[in-house]
Amino acid sequence: MKKRQSDTKRLNWLKSQDGVGLISDDAGRWAVSDGGMQNMPDFDSPIDISTVFTVDKADWRNSIREAIDVAMAKEETDSNDNQD
């Protein structure tokens, strides 16, 4: 998983994902999660929402970049597994 990404590629990847959250815990770790729930957003304008994310402990990383890279690699692996 040592593949380095550019920040532009990371941000473009995040923008292309529906329903993912880039989150931090109180210990300074970061993760990208696509599991959880929230109330339905209003697509016409921003509203207050309540969101709950689930994060596997193996997905926590010490930097934002690492967290995004791990999520990108997982998506690539899942995509390759689905092609088999």
N, C-alpha and C. Protein backbone atom coordinates (compact mmCIF):
# COMPACT_ATOMS: atom_id res chain seq x y z
N MET A 1 0.82 -1.18 0.00
CA MET A 1 0.00 0.00 0.00
C MET A 1 0.87 1.25 0.00
N LYS A 2 2.07 1.17 -0.48
CA LYS A 2 3.00 2.29 -0.47
C LYS A 2 2.80 3.24 -1.65
N LYS A 3 1.74 3.05 -2.42
CA LYS A 3 1.47 3.90 -3.57
C LYS A 3 1.14 5.32 -3.10
N ARG A 4 1.95 6.30 -3.53
CA ARG A 4 1.73 7.69 -3.13
C ARG A 4 0.82 8.38 -4.13
N GLN A 5 -0.11 9.12 -3.62
CA GLN A 5 -1.06 9.86 -4.44
C GLN A 5 -0.77 11.36 -4.30
N SER A 6 -1.17 12.12 -5.29
CA SER A 6 -1.09 13.57 -5.16
C SER A 6 -2.30 14.05 -4.36
N ASP A 7 -2.16 15.20 -3.72
CA ASP A 7 -3.28 15.75 -2.96
C ASP A 7 -4.47 16.03 -3.88
N THR A 8 -4.20 16.47 -5.10
CA THR A 8 -5.29 16.73 -6.05
C THR A 8 -6.04 15.45 -6.34
N LYS A 9 -5.32 14.35 -6.54
CA LYS A 9 -5.98 13.07 -6.81
C LYS A 9 -6.80 12.63 -5.60
N ARG A 10 -6.25 12.82 -4.41
CA ARG A 10 -6.98 12.46 -3.19
C ARG A 10 -8.29 13.26 -3.08
N LEU A 11 -8.19 14.57 -3.28
CA LEU A 11 -9.38 15.42 -3.16
C LEU A 11 -10.41 15.10 -4.23
N ASN A 12 -9.95 14.86 -5.44
CA ASN A 12 -10.88 14.48 -6.52
C ASN A 12 -11.57 13.16 -6.20
N TRP A 13 -10.83 12.22 -5.63
CA TRP A 13 -11.42 10.94 -5.25
C TRP A 13 -12.49 11.16 -4.18
N LEU A 14 -12.16 11.94 -3.14
CA LEU A 14 -13.14 12.22 -2.08
C LEU A 14 -14.39 12.87 -2.65
N LYS A 15 -14.22 13.84 -3.54
CA LYS A 15 -15.38 14.53 -4.12
C LYS A 15 -16.24 13.59 -4.94
N SER A 16 -15.65 12.54 -5.49
CA SER A 16 -16.42 11.62 -6.34
C SER A 16 -17.17 10.56 -5.54
N GLN A 17 -16.96 10.51 -4.23
CA GLN A 17 -17.59 9.50 -3.38
C GLN A 17 -18.89 10.03 -2.81
N ASP A 18 -19.91 9.20 -2.82
CA ASP A 18 -21.19 9.57 -2.19
C ASP A 18 -21.25 9.01 -0.78
N GLY A 19 -21.53 9.85 0.17
CA GLY A 19 -21.80 9.40 1.53
C GLY A 19 -20.60 8.98 2.35
N VAL A 20 -19.38 9.36 1.95
CA VAL A 20 -18.23 9.03 2.78
C VAL A 20 -17.94 10.19 3.71
N GLY A 21 -17.29 9.87 4.81
CA GLY A 21 -16.90 10.90 5.75
C GLY A 21 -15.42 10.82 6.05
N LEU A 22 -14.73 11.94 5.97
CA LEU A 22 -13.35 12.04 6.42
C LEU A 22 -13.44 12.52 7.86
N ILE A 23 -13.08 11.67 8.79
CA ILE A 23 -13.33 11.97 10.20
C ILE A 23 -12.06 11.81 11.03
N SER A 24 -12.04 12.50 12.16
CA SER A 24 -10.93 12.36 13.09
C SER A 24 -11.48 11.99 14.46
N ASP A 25 -10.64 11.33 15.24
CA ASP A 25 -11.03 11.03 16.62
C ASP A 25 -10.32 12.03 17.54
N ASP A 26 -10.57 11.95 18.82
CA ASP A 26 -9.97 12.90 19.75
C ASP A 26 -8.49 12.63 20.01
N ALA A 27 -7.95 11.57 19.42
CA ALA A 27 -6.54 11.24 19.61
C ALA A 27 -5.69 11.65 18.40
N GLY A 28 -6.29 12.37 17.45
CA GLY A 28 -5.53 12.84 16.29
C GLY A 28 -5.43 11.87 15.14
N ARG A 29 -6.20 10.79 15.19
CA ARG A 29 -6.20 9.82 14.08
C ARG A 29 -7.28 10.19 13.08
N TRP A 30 -7.12 9.69 11.84
CA TRP A 30 -8.03 9.99 10.74
C TRP A 30 -8.49 8.72 10.06
N ALA A 31 -9.70 8.76 9.52
CA ALA A 31 -10.24 7.63 8.76
C ALA A 31 -11.25 8.15 7.74
N VAL A 32 -11.43 7.37 6.69
CA VAL A 32 -12.50 7.62 5.73
C VAL A 32 -13.50 6.49 5.93
N SER A 33 -14.75 6.85 6.18
CA SER A 33 -15.78 5.85 6.44
C SER A 33 -16.93 6.00 5.46
N ASP A 34 -17.42 4.86 4.99
CA ASP A 34 -18.63 4.88 4.16
C ASP A 34 -19.76 4.12 4.85
N GLY A 35 -19.55 3.80 6.12
CA GLY A 35 -20.57 3.10 6.89
C GLY A 35 -21.15 4.00 7.95
N GLY A 36 -22.45 3.93 8.13
CA GLY A 36 -23.10 4.73 9.14
C GLY A 36 -24.48 5.14 8.70
N MET A 37 -25.00 6.18 9.34
CA MET A 37 -26.34 6.64 8.95
C MET A 37 -26.49 8.12 9.28
N GLN A 38 -27.41 8.75 8.58
CA GLN A 38 -27.74 10.14 8.82
C GLN A 38 -29.16 10.39 8.33
N ASN A 39 -29.74 11.50 8.79
CA ASN A 39 -31.05 11.85 8.25
C ASN A 39 -30.87 12.28 6.79
N MET A 40 -31.93 12.21 6.04
CA MET A 40 -31.88 12.50 4.61
C MET A 40 -31.57 13.98 4.39
N PRO A 41 -30.51 14.28 3.61
CA PRO A 41 -30.20 15.69 3.36
C PRO A 41 -31.21 16.33 2.41
N ASP A 42 -31.32 17.63 2.51
CA ASP A 42 -32.11 18.41 1.56
C ASP A 42 -31.18 18.75 0.41
N PHE A 43 -31.50 18.30 -0.78
CA PHE A 43 -30.60 18.49 -1.91
C PHE A 43 -30.63 19.91 -2.46
N ASP A 44 -31.62 20.71 -2.05
CA ASP A 44 -31.72 22.09 -2.53
C ASP A 44 -30.89 23.06 -1.71
N SER A 45 -30.75 22.79 -0.42
CA SER A 45 -29.99 23.70 0.43
C SER A 45 -29.46 22.94 1.64
N PRO A 46 -28.36 23.43 2.24
CA PRO A 46 -27.80 22.76 3.42
C PRO A 46 -28.78 22.82 4.59
N ILE A 47 -28.79 21.74 5.38
CA ILE A 47 -29.60 21.69 6.60
C ILE A 47 -28.77 21.08 7.71
N ASP A 48 -29.22 21.22 8.94
CA ASP A 48 -28.57 20.55 10.06
C ASP A 48 -28.85 19.05 9.94
N ILE A 49 -27.82 18.24 10.14
CA ILE A 49 -28.01 16.80 10.11
C ILE A 49 -27.31 16.17 11.32
N SER A 50 -27.71 14.97 11.63
CA SER A 50 -27.06 14.17 12.65
C SER A 50 -26.48 12.95 11.94
N THR A 51 -25.19 12.71 12.14
CA THR A 51 -24.51 11.64 11.42
C THR A 51 -23.79 10.72 12.40
N VAL A 52 -23.87 9.42 12.15
CA VAL A 52 -23.14 8.41 12.91
C VAL A 52 -22.31 7.61 11.92
N PHE A 53 -21.00 7.55 12.13
CA PHE A 53 -20.12 6.76 11.27
C PHE A 53 -19.62 5.54 12.02
N THR A 54 -19.38 4.47 11.29
CA THR A 54 -18.70 3.31 11.85
C THR A 54 -17.33 3.23 11.19
N VAL A 55 -16.31 2.94 12.00
CA VAL A 55 -14.93 2.86 11.51
C VAL A 55 -14.29 1.62 12.09
N ASP A 56 -13.75 0.75 11.23
CA ASP A 56 -12.96 -0.38 11.70
C ASP A 56 -11.66 0.14 12.29
N LYS A 57 -11.22 -0.44 13.40
CA LYS A 57 -10.02 0.09 14.05
C LYS A 57 -8.80 0.03 13.13
N ALA A 58 -8.77 -0.91 12.20
CA ALA A 58 -7.64 -1.01 11.28
C ALA A 58 -7.59 0.15 10.29
N ASP A 59 -8.68 0.90 10.16
CA ASP A 59 -8.73 2.00 9.19
C ASP A 59 -8.21 3.33 9.74
N TRP A 60 -7.99 3.43 11.04
CA TRP A 60 -7.48 4.68 11.61
C TRP A 60 -6.02 4.87 11.20
N ARG A 61 -5.69 6.10 10.82
CA ARG A 61 -4.33 6.45 10.41
C ARG A 61 -3.90 7.74 11.11
N ASN A 62 -2.60 7.98 11.10
CA ASN A 62 -2.06 9.16 11.78
C ASN A 62 -2.12 10.43 10.95
N SER A 63 -2.46 10.32 9.67
CA SER A 63 -2.56 11.52 8.84
C SER A 63 -3.77 11.42 7.91
N ILE A 64 -4.24 12.58 7.49
CA ILE A 64 -5.35 12.63 6.54
C ILE A 64 -4.97 11.92 5.25
N ARG A 65 -3.76 12.18 4.77
CA ARG A 65 -3.31 11.57 3.51
C ARG A 65 -3.33 10.05 3.60
N GLU A 66 -2.78 9.52 4.69
CA GLU A 66 -2.77 8.06 4.86
C GLU A 66 -4.19 7.49 4.87
N ALA A 67 -5.10 8.17 5.57
CA ALA A 67 -6.48 7.69 5.66
C ALA A 67 -7.13 7.63 4.28
N ILE A 68 -6.93 8.67 3.49
CA ILE A 68 -7.51 8.69 2.14
C ILE A 68 -6.85 7.63 1.27
N ASP A 69 -5.52 7.48 1.37
CA ASP A 69 -4.82 6.47 0.57
C ASP A 69 -5.33 5.06 0.88
N VAL A 70 -5.56 4.78 2.16
CA VAL A 70 -6.08 3.47 2.56
C VAL A 70 -7.46 3.24 1.97
N ALA A 71 -8.32 4.25 2.04
CA ALA A 71 -9.68 4.12 1.48
C ALA A 71 -9.63 3.93 -0.03
N MET A 72 -8.75 4.65 -0.70
CA MET A 72 -8.61 4.50 -2.16
C MET A 72 -8.13 3.10 -2.51
N ALA A 73 -7.16 2.60 -1.75
CA ALA A 73 -6.63 1.26 -2.01
C ALA A 73 -7.69 0.19 -1.75
N LYS A 74 -8.50 0.37 -0.69
CA LYS A 74 -9.57 -0.59 -0.40
C LYS A 74 -10.59 -0.61 -1.53
N GLU A 75 -10.95 0.57 -2.04
CA GLU A 75 -11.90 0.63 -3.14
C GLU A 75 -11.34 -0.07 -4.38
N GLU A 76 -10.06 0.14 -4.65
CA GLU A 76 -9.42 -0.51 -5.80
C GLU A 76 -9.41 -2.02 -5.63
N THR A 77 -9.09 -2.49 -4.43
CA THR A 77 -9.09 -3.93 -4.14
C THR A 77 -10.48 -4.51 -4.29
N ASP A 78 -11.49 -3.82 -3.73
CA ASP A 78 -12.87 -4.28 -3.85
C ASP A 78 -13.31 -4.34 -5.30
N SER A 79 -12.92 -3.34 -6.07
CA SER A 79 -13.27 -3.29 -7.49
C SER A 79 -12.64 -4.46 -8.24
N ASN A 80 -11.38 -4.75 -7.94
CA ASN A 80 -10.69 -5.88 -8.58
C ASN A 80 -11.31 -7.20 -8.18
N ASP A 81 -11.71 -7.33 -6.90
CA ASP A 81 -12.34 -8.57 -6.43
C ASP A 81 -13.67 -8.80 -7.12
N ASN A 82 -14.41 -7.73 -7.39
CA ASN A 82 -15.72 -7.86 -8.04
C ASN A 82 -15.61 -8.21 -9.52
N GLN A 83 -14.43 -7.99 -10.12
CA GLN A 83 -14.24 -8.31 -11.53
C GLN A 83 -13.91 -9.78 -11.73
N ASP A 84 -13.50 -10.44 -10.67
CA ASP A 84 -13.13 -11.87 -10.78
C ASP A 84 -14.33 -12.77 -10.87
